[in-house]
Amino acid sequence: MLENKKIALFITGGIASYKMAEFTRQLIKKGAQVRVVMSKSAQEFITPLTLQILTKHYVLVDTFDEHDPTSVQHIELADWCDLAIVAPATANILAKMANGLADDIVSSVLLAVHCPRLLVPAMNTNMYDNPATQRNLKQLAEDGYEVMEPDTGFLAEGYEGKGRLPELERIVERAELLMARTSLPQVLSGKRVLVTAGGTVERIDPVRYISNDSSGKMGYAMARVASWLGADVQLVSTNRALATPLGVAVQYVESAQEMQAAVTSEFAQLDYVVKAAAVSDYRVRNARGHKMKKAETGSETTIELVENPDILAGLGAMKEHQIVIGFAAETQNLLEYAQAKLQKKNADWIIANDVSEAGAGFNVETNRVTIIGKENLIKELKHMSKLDTALAVWKTITGIE
């Protein structure tokens, strides 16, 4: 979402300024073009040269350092950027912005910026809690700025409090969400979307289980992009290790029966259901309440299995206005099996992939899928990241591509 986007990064004078070199690298790795503006106090923590080398752009540090006679630098930059990020945003710059002051290079450019703006406050907790700061933040939110809450944790002053700069990955994700919601058609605005993700777990006993290799990453990508497109998204997941996407509510489950209950209880209010989870076909008939010991079972043992509910088929039978999207992870006869699944489950779409193919299976960051819809629609996507795959899938389903 940040690829080829022009980002102006405004660094002001807090201890978290030193993190902005790595933050700049993360933006560039996402494919963004980055230009930096620094306040005088920010230069006490990190040098302009560092940011210049990373961005390959001259760093603006003085309102009157007009090195290019063909333009007015603070207006040129304001017109150039697609996104403005102020990080760390100190109490001082927040006060200036809330009151329309332009007495240095940072505040002057920001007053002229007319693209989406993300503020990332970071300061001592007492400064953050000050009524004046809170009043300024409220005013800035009312003026259309996107304000990210600081984290609570160990501060530079040596004690716990609210005011820490959020983790850099989360700031990048917030920037992506802001850009998506201002640049992509909000075709899912007002829609409720539920996505299932991960491999279900069927207990043998408290320490052993039957499952599969699904990580849930594709489901998380589908949930994240649905949020990008404006949806109210709920994620039903079996994997607690993955970070919950911004703008998405998560409910954790373990077994197929728990997942079925979570999905069906919400189904009547939903507009879209994305069944990306890999549901175990079978569960143990009589799971043990304690760890099985060899002394109980001997050298051989038999575990009796019973069939799990077919969640996708159940939804297909229940649907009224809902759009039901299933996934088919196959290792052979991909199109044949996926098309049969579309009909048998009464789904609206099947997203099929060959999990035996390198870079398109479980526990990887990429995928290559074929989108299958009714009326013989078949669309093969190229090999790409799971996030890009999810965006392409949603564009096809919603008809915006």
Protein backbone atom coordinates (compact mmCIF):
# COMPACT_ATOMS: atom_id res chain seq x y z
CA MET A 1 0.00 0.00 0.00
CA LEU A 2 2.98 2.34 0.45
CA GLU A 3 4.71 1.36 -2.78
CA ASN A 4 5.58 4.45 -4.84
CA LYS A 5 3.85 6.67 -2.28
CA LYS A 6 5.55 9.99 -1.46
CA ILE A 7 5.93 10.33 2.29
CA ALA A 8 7.10 13.41 4.16
CA LEU A 9 8.47 12.50 7.59
CA PHE A 10 8.56 15.29 10.17
CA ILE A 11 10.90 14.58 13.09
CA THR A 12 10.66 16.71 16.22
CA GLY A 13 12.78 16.78 19.32
CA GLY A 14 12.03 13.83 21.58
CA ILE A 15 14.22 10.97 22.72
CA ALA A 16 12.35 8.69 20.30
CA SER A 17 13.84 10.68 17.41
CA TYR A 18 16.74 8.23 17.28
CA LYS A 19 14.33 5.52 16.10
CA MET A 20 13.47 7.45 12.97
CA ALA A 21 16.43 6.12 11.01
CA GLU A 22 15.05 2.59 11.28
CA PHE A 23 11.50 3.86 10.68
CA THR A 24 12.70 5.53 7.48
CA ARG A 25 14.30 2.26 6.38
CA GLN A 26 11.02 0.41 6.97
CA LEU A 27 9.08 2.90 4.85
CA ILE A 28 11.65 2.63 2.05
CA LYS A 29 11.52 -1.18 2.20
CA LYS A 30 7.78 -0.88 1.63
CA GLY A 31 8.58 0.92 -1.62
CA ALA A 32 7.87 4.47 -0.46
CA GLN A 33 9.78 7.59 -1.43
CA VAL A 34 10.67 9.46 1.76
CA ARG A 35 11.74 13.04 2.35
CA VAL A 36 12.53 14.34 5.84
CA VAL A 37 11.97 17.60 7.69
CA MET A 38 13.65 18.09 11.08
CA SER A 39 13.18 20.61 13.83
CA LYS A 40 16.22 22.19 15.47
CA SER A 41 15.70 20.17 18.64
CA ALA A 42 15.40 16.91 16.68
CA GLN A 43 18.93 17.46 15.41
CA GLU A 44 20.19 17.14 18.98
CA PHE A 45 19.15 13.47 18.89
CA ILE A 46 19.84 12.41 15.27
CA THR A 47 21.75 14.11 12.49
CA PRO A 48 20.25 15.26 9.18
CA LEU A 49 23.11 13.52 7.38
CA THR A 50 21.87 10.14 8.61
CA LEU A 51 18.43 10.73 7.11
CA GLN A 52 19.87 12.22 3.94
CA ILE A 53 21.97 9.14 3.28
CA LEU A 54 19.00 6.83 3.91
CA THR A 55 16.48 8.76 1.81
CA LYS A 56 18.83 10.06 -0.91
CA HIS A 57 17.09 13.43 -0.47
CA TYR A 58 18.19 16.73 1.03
CA VAL A 59 16.81 17.10 4.59
CA LEU A 60 14.97 20.34 5.31
CA VAL A 61 16.14 21.94 8.56
CA ASP A 62 15.74 25.70 8.01
CA THR A 63 12.82 27.68 6.62
CA PHE A 64 15.14 30.11 4.85
CA ASP A 65 17.64 27.62 3.44
CA GLU A 66 16.24 27.97 -0.07
CA HIS A 67 18.78 25.81 -1.88
CA ASP A 68 16.58 25.48 -5.00
CA PRO A 69 15.81 28.91 -6.50
CA THR A 70 13.05 27.48 -8.72
CA SER A 71 10.69 26.72 -5.81
CA VAL A 72 9.72 27.71 -2.29
CA GLN A 73 10.88 24.66 -0.37
CA HIS A 74 8.20 24.42 2.34
CA ILE A 75 5.38 24.77 -0.21
CA GLU A 76 7.02 22.48 -2.76
CA LEU A 77 7.33 19.68 -0.21
CA ALA A 78 3.77 20.18 1.03
CA ASP A 79 2.53 19.83 -2.54
CA TRP A 80 4.80 16.82 -3.23
CA CYS A 81 3.74 14.40 -0.51
CA ASP A 82 0.92 11.83 -0.55
CA LEU A 83 1.21 11.28 3.20
CA ALA A 84 2.67 13.32 6.06
CA ILE A 85 3.87 11.57 9.22
CA VAL A 86 4.90 13.49 12.33
CA ALA A 87 6.98 11.16 14.52
CA PRO A 88 7.78 11.63 17.25
CA ALA A 89 5.18 14.37 17.65
CA THR A 90 6.17 16.35 20.72
CA ALA A 91 3.83 18.43 22.88
CA ASN A 92 5.44 21.51 21.35
CA ILE A 93 4.63 20.66 17.72
CA LEU A 94 1.12 19.54 18.67
CA ALA A 95 0.49 22.93 20.27
CA LYS A 96 1.78 24.74 17.18
CA MET A 97 -0.31 22.66 14.79
CA ALA A 98 -3.49 22.98 16.86
CA ASN A 99 -3.14 26.75 16.80
CA GLY A 100 -1.92 27.21 13.24
CA LEU A 101 1.56 28.50 14.10
CA ALA A 102 4.34 28.42 11.49
CA ASP A 103 7.53 29.63 13.16
CA ASP A 104 10.00 26.98 11.94
CA ILE A 105 10.47 24.64 9.00
CA VAL A 106 8.42 21.78 10.47
CA SER A 107 5.37 23.85 11.40
CA SER A 108 5.59 25.86 8.17
CA VAL A 109 5.46 22.80 5.92
CA LEU A 110 2.75 21.16 8.02
CA LEU A 111 0.54 24.24 7.77
CA ALA A 112 0.65 23.92 3.98
CA VAL A 113 0.19 20.13 3.78
CA HIS A 114 -3.10 19.04 2.21
CA CYS A 115 -2.71 15.25 2.09
CA PRO A 116 -3.56 12.67 4.82
CA ARG A 117 -1.60 13.39 8.01
CA LEU A 118 -0.60 10.90 10.70
CA LEU A 119 0.50 12.17 14.11
CA VAL A 120 2.46 9.86 16.41
CA PRO A 121 2.75 11.57 19.82
CA ALA A 122 5.63 10.52 22.07
CA MET A 123 6.62 12.31 25.27
CA ASN A 124 6.74 12.04 29.03
CA THR A 125 3.47 10.81 30.50
CA ASN A 126 2.95 14.00 32.53
CA MET A 127 3.28 16.11 29.40
CA TYR A 128 0.94 13.81 27.51
CA ASP A 129 -1.71 13.91 30.27
CA ASN A 130 -1.53 17.69 30.59
CA PRO A 131 -4.96 19.18 29.80
CA ALA A 132 -3.41 21.50 27.22
CA THR A 133 -1.90 18.58 25.30
CA GLN A 134 -5.14 16.63 25.45
CA ARG A 135 -7.03 19.70 24.27
CA ASN A 136 -4.63 20.11 21.35
CA LEU A 137 -4.95 16.44 20.37
CA LYS A 138 -8.74 16.70 20.41
CA GLN A 139 -8.59 19.80 18.22
CA LEU A 140 -6.23 18.14 15.75
CA ALA A 141 -8.50 15.09 15.49
CA GLU A 142 -11.44 17.41 14.80
CA ASP A 143 -9.34 19.13 12.13
CA GLY A 144 -8.92 15.82 10.29
CA TYR A 145 -5.55 14.61 11.54
CA GLU A 146 -5.11 10.89 12.19
CA VAL A 147 -3.78 10.60 15.74
CA MET A 148 -2.09 7.41 16.94
CA GLU A 149 -2.17 6.72 20.67
CA PRO A 150 1.24 6.32 22.34
CA ASP A 151 2.14 3.10 24.08
CA THR A 152 2.37 2.57 27.81
CA GLY A 153 5.73 1.31 29.04
CA PHE A 154 9.15 2.16 30.41
CA LEU A 155 9.97 5.80 29.69
CA ALA A 156 13.34 7.54 29.31
CA GLU A 157 12.84 9.09 32.74
CA GLY A 158 13.08 5.65 34.34
CA TYR A 159 9.48 4.86 35.21
CA GLU A 160 6.36 3.40 33.60
CA GLY A 161 3.82 5.62 31.91
CA LYS A 162 1.87 6.40 28.77
CA GLY A 163 3.91 8.25 26.18
CA ARG A 164 6.21 5.74 24.51
CA LEU A 165 6.50 5.77 20.74
CA PRO A 166 4.51 2.78 19.39
CA GLU A 167 6.47 -0.05 17.82
CA LEU A 168 7.67 0.97 14.38
CA GLU A 169 5.88 -1.88 12.62
CA ARG A 170 2.58 -0.67 14.06
CA ILE A 171 3.21 2.88 12.86
CA VAL A 172 3.90 1.53 9.37
CA GLU A 173 0.69 -0.50 9.53
CA ARG A 174 -1.28 2.56 10.66
CA ALA A 175 0.18 4.52 7.74
CA GLU A 176 -0.87 1.75 5.35
CA LEU A 177 -4.40 1.74 6.78
CA LEU A 178 -4.66 5.52 6.43
CA MET A 179 -3.40 5.45 2.84
CA ALA A 180 -5.73 2.58 1.96
CA ARG A 181 -8.79 4.29 3.37
CA THR A 182 -8.02 7.50 1.53
CA SER A 183 -6.89 6.05 -1.81
CA LEU A 184 -8.90 2.84 -2.29
CA PRO A 185 -12.64 2.80 -3.05
CA GLN A 186 -14.40 2.14 0.27
CA VAL A 187 -16.61 -0.51 -1.30
CA LEU A 188 -17.00 -2.41 2.00
CA SER A 189 -17.95 0.64 4.05
CA GLY A 190 -20.97 -0.23 6.19
CA LYS A 191 -20.45 -3.95 5.55
CA ARG A 192 -19.77 -6.58 8.20
CA VAL A 193 -17.11 -9.11 7.26
CA LEU A 194 -16.06 -12.20 9.21
CA VAL A 195 -12.85 -14.03 8.36
CA THR A 196 -11.66 -17.34 9.77
CA ALA A 197 -7.94 -18.09 9.90
CA GLY A 198 -5.49 -20.75 11.02
CA GLY A 199 -5.58 -24.50 11.44
CA THR A 200 -8.09 -25.85 13.94
CA VAL A 201 -6.86 -28.01 16.81
CA GLU A 202 -8.56 -31.25 17.88
CA ARG A 203 -7.38 -32.44 21.28
CA ILE A 204 -6.27 -36.00 21.96
CA ASP A 205 -5.40 -35.06 25.52
CA PRO A 206 -4.24 -31.84 27.23
CA VAL A 207 -0.77 -32.01 25.58
CA ARG A 208 -1.44 -33.67 22.21
CA TYR A 209 -3.66 -32.75 19.30
CA ILE A 210 -4.53 -33.25 15.63
CA SER A 211 -4.07 -30.21 13.40
CA ASN A 212 -2.53 -29.10 10.10
CA ASP A 213 0.17 -26.77 8.79
CA SER A 214 -1.97 -23.66 8.23
CA SER A 215 -0.45 -20.55 9.84
CA GLY A 216 -3.46 -18.29 9.30
CA LYS A 217 -1.43 -15.67 7.41
CA MET A 218 -3.71 -15.68 4.35
CA GLY A 219 -6.78 -15.22 6.51
CA TYR A 220 -5.14 -12.36 8.39
CA ALA A 221 -4.29 -10.72 5.07
CA MET A 222 -7.92 -11.05 3.92
CA ALA A 223 -9.10 -9.46 7.17
CA ARG A 224 -6.61 -6.64 6.92
CA VAL A 225 -7.53 -5.74 3.35
CA ALA A 226 -11.26 -5.88 4.18
CA SER A 227 -10.53 -3.24 6.82
CA TRP A 228 -8.60 -1.23 4.23
CA LEU A 229 -11.75 -1.22 2.10
CA GLY A 230 -13.82 0.18 4.97
CA ALA A 231 -15.45 -2.96 6.39
CA ASP A 232 -16.29 -3.71 10.01
CA VAL A 233 -14.14 -6.83 10.32
CA GLN A 234 -14.20 -9.67 12.82
CA LEU A 235 -11.46 -12.29 12.73
CA VAL A 236 -12.01 -15.77 14.16
CA SER A 237 -8.53 -17.19 14.60
CA THR A 238 -6.73 -20.21 16.02
CA ASN A 239 -3.31 -18.51 16.01
CA ARG A 240 -2.51 -16.19 18.90
CA ALA A 241 1.04 -15.60 17.68
CA LEU A 242 0.06 -13.39 14.74
CA ALA A 243 -0.46 -9.68 15.38
CA THR A 244 -4.09 -8.60 15.05
CA PRO A 245 -4.47 -6.23 12.08
CA LEU A 246 -5.38 -2.65 12.92
CA GLY A 247 -9.10 -1.98 12.67
CA VAL A 248 -9.95 -5.68 13.15
CA ALA A 249 -11.60 -7.35 16.17
CA VAL A 250 -10.37 -10.86 16.94
CA GLN A 251 -11.94 -13.86 18.67
CA TYR A 252 -9.73 -16.85 19.39
CA VAL A 253 -10.98 -20.41 19.11
CA GLU A 254 -9.32 -23.81 19.01
CA SER A 255 -11.48 -26.59 17.60
CA ALA A 256 -13.71 -26.88 14.55
CA GLN A 257 -16.80 -26.96 16.76
CA GLU A 258 -15.74 -23.75 18.52
CA MET A 259 -15.13 -22.10 15.15
CA GLN A 260 -18.51 -23.23 13.87
CA ALA A 261 -20.24 -21.76 16.93
CA ALA A 262 -18.39 -18.45 16.58
CA VAL A 263 -19.28 -18.10 12.89
CA THR A 264 -22.90 -19.23 13.00
CA SER A 265 -23.73 -17.01 15.99
CA GLU A 266 -22.80 -13.95 13.90
CA PHE A 267 -23.93 -15.16 10.49
CA ALA A 268 -27.32 -13.43 10.32
CA GLN A 269 -25.72 -9.99 10.75
CA LEU A 270 -22.89 -10.55 8.26
CA ASP A 271 -22.50 -9.42 4.67
CA TYR A 272 -19.39 -11.46 3.80
CA VAL A 273 -17.87 -14.59 5.30
CA VAL A 274 -14.34 -15.58 4.30
CA LYS A 275 -13.58 -19.17 5.32
CA ALA A 276 -9.79 -19.08 5.05
CA ALA A 277 -9.20 -21.38 8.03
CA ALA A 278 -7.98 -24.93 7.48
CA VAL A 279 -10.57 -26.90 9.45
CA SER A 280 -9.68 -30.38 10.65
CA ASP A 281 -11.92 -32.92 8.95
CA TYR A 282 -12.01 -35.15 12.02
CA ARG A 283 -11.88 -34.88 15.80
CA VAL A 284 -11.18 -37.42 18.54
CA ARG A 285 -14.36 -39.11 19.73
CA ASN A 286 -13.26 -39.39 23.35
CA ALA A 287 -10.51 -36.89 24.12
CA ARG A 288 -8.73 -37.62 27.40
CA GLY A 289 -8.93 -35.18 30.27
CA HIS A 290 -5.39 -36.07 31.34
CA LYS A 291 -2.15 -36.90 29.55
CA MET A 292 -2.20 -40.40 28.09
CA LYS A 293 0.53 -42.63 29.52
CA LYS A 294 2.13 -45.63 27.88
CA ALA A 295 1.10 -47.70 30.86
CA GLU A 296 -2.54 -47.06 29.93
CA THR A 297 -2.29 -47.77 26.21
CA GLY A 298 0.50 -50.29 25.84
CA SER A 299 2.81 -50.38 22.82
CA GLU A 300 -0.09 -49.83 20.41
CA THR A 301 -3.20 -47.73 20.71
CA THR A 302 -6.15 -46.76 18.56
CA ILE A 303 -7.65 -43.29 18.49
CA GLU A 304 -11.23 -43.23 17.26
CA LEU A 305 -12.12 -40.25 15.08
CA VAL A 306 -15.46 -38.75 14.13
CA GLU A 307 -16.23 -36.30 11.35
CA ASN A 308 -16.25 -32.60 12.17
CA PRO A 309 -19.05 -30.30 11.02
CA ASP A 310 -18.63 -28.91 7.50
CA ILE A 311 -18.73 -25.21 8.34
CA LEU A 312 -18.57 -23.93 4.76
CA ALA A 313 -21.38 -26.22 3.57
CA GLY A 314 -23.47 -25.19 6.55
CA LEU A 315 -23.06 -21.52 5.72
CA GLY A 316 -23.87 -22.18 2.07
CA ALA A 317 -27.13 -23.82 3.10
CA MET A 318 -28.03 -21.00 5.53
CA LYS A 319 -27.13 -17.97 3.44
CA GLU A 320 -29.70 -15.42 2.38
CA HIS A 321 -28.02 -12.13 1.44
CA GLN A 322 -24.52 -13.15 2.56
CA ILE A 323 -21.58 -13.64 0.20
CA VAL A 324 -19.72 -16.82 1.19
CA ILE A 325 -16.08 -17.18 0.17
CA GLY A 326 -14.25 -20.44 0.71
CA PHE A 327 -10.63 -21.50 0.30
CA ALA A 328 -9.42 -24.74 -1.25
CA ALA A 329 -5.90 -25.89 -0.41
CA GLU A 330 -5.10 -28.75 -2.78
CA THR A 331 -2.08 -30.77 -3.90
CA GLN A 332 -3.51 -32.11 -7.18
CA ASN A 333 -6.35 -31.51 -9.65
CA LEU A 334 -6.66 -27.94 -8.39
CA LEU A 335 -9.36 -26.59 -10.69
CA GLU A 336 -11.41 -29.79 -10.73
CA TYR A 337 -11.55 -30.07 -6.94
CA ALA A 338 -12.08 -26.33 -6.39
CA GLN A 339 -14.95 -26.11 -8.90
CA ALA A 340 -16.58 -29.13 -7.31
CA LYS A 341 -16.23 -27.50 -3.90
CA LEU A 342 -17.87 -24.31 -5.16
CA GLN A 343 -20.96 -26.24 -6.23
CA LYS A 344 -21.10 -28.74 -3.39
CA LYS A 345 -20.78 -26.12 -0.64
CA ASN A 346 -23.06 -23.58 -2.40
CA ALA A 347 -20.34 -20.95 -2.00
CA ASP A 348 -20.16 -17.77 -4.06
CA TRP A 349 -16.38 -17.85 -4.50
CA ILE A 350 -13.58 -20.36 -3.99
CA ILE A 351 -9.96 -19.22 -3.69
CA ALA A 352 -7.83 -22.20 -4.67
CA ASN A 353 -4.12 -22.79 -4.32
CA ASP A 354 -1.72 -25.70 -4.70
CA VAL A 355 -0.05 -25.93 -1.29
CA SER A 356 2.59 -28.29 -2.65
CA GLU A 357 3.94 -25.48 -4.83
CA ALA A 358 6.98 -23.64 -3.45
CA GLY A 359 6.01 -20.23 -2.09
CA ALA A 360 2.28 -20.87 -2.33
CA GLY A 361 1.55 -23.11 0.62
CA PHE A 362 1.45 -22.94 4.38
CA ASN A 363 3.75 -20.89 6.63
CA VAL A 364 5.14 -18.66 3.88
CA GLU A 365 4.66 -14.96 3.11
CA THR A 366 3.63 -15.44 -0.53
CA ASN A 367 0.88 -17.18 -2.43
CA ARG A 368 -0.40 -17.96 -5.92
CA VAL A 369 -4.13 -18.51 -6.15
CA THR A 370 -6.88 -19.05 -8.66
CA ILE A 371 -10.17 -17.23 -8.04
CA ILE A 372 -13.20 -19.29 -9.03
CA GLY A 373 -16.68 -17.83 -9.15
CA LYS A 374 -20.04 -18.85 -10.45
CA GLU A 375 -20.84 -18.67 -14.18
CA ASN A 376 -17.47 -20.30 -14.94
CA LEU A 377 -15.38 -17.34 -13.81
CA ILE A 378 -11.74 -18.42 -13.41
CA LYS A 379 -8.99 -15.90 -12.71
CA GLU A 380 -5.41 -16.94 -12.07
CA LEU A 381 -3.27 -14.54 -10.06
CA LYS A 382 0.48 -14.33 -10.28
CA HIS A 383 2.83 -15.28 -7.46
CA MET A 384 2.94 -12.40 -4.94
CA SER A 385 2.76 -11.55 -1.25
CA LYS A 386 -0.28 -12.75 0.66
CA LEU A 387 -1.26 -9.14 1.34
CA ASP A 388 -1.16 -8.30 -2.37
CA THR A 389 -3.01 -11.54 -3.08
CA ALA A 390 -5.74 -10.57 -0.60
CA LEU A 391 -6.09 -7.14 -2.22
CA ALA A 392 -6.42 -8.71 -5.68
CA VAL A 393 -9.00 -11.20 -4.39
CA TRP A 394 -11.12 -8.51 -2.74
CA LYS A 395 -10.92 -6.32 -5.86
CA THR A 396 -12.28 -9.19 -7.94
CA ILE A 397 -15.03 -10.09 -5.47
CA THR A 398 -16.20 -6.47 -5.04
CA GLY A 399 -15.85 -5.63 -8.72
CA ILE A 400 -13.48 -2.68 -8.30
CA GLU A 401 -10.92 -4.12 -10.71
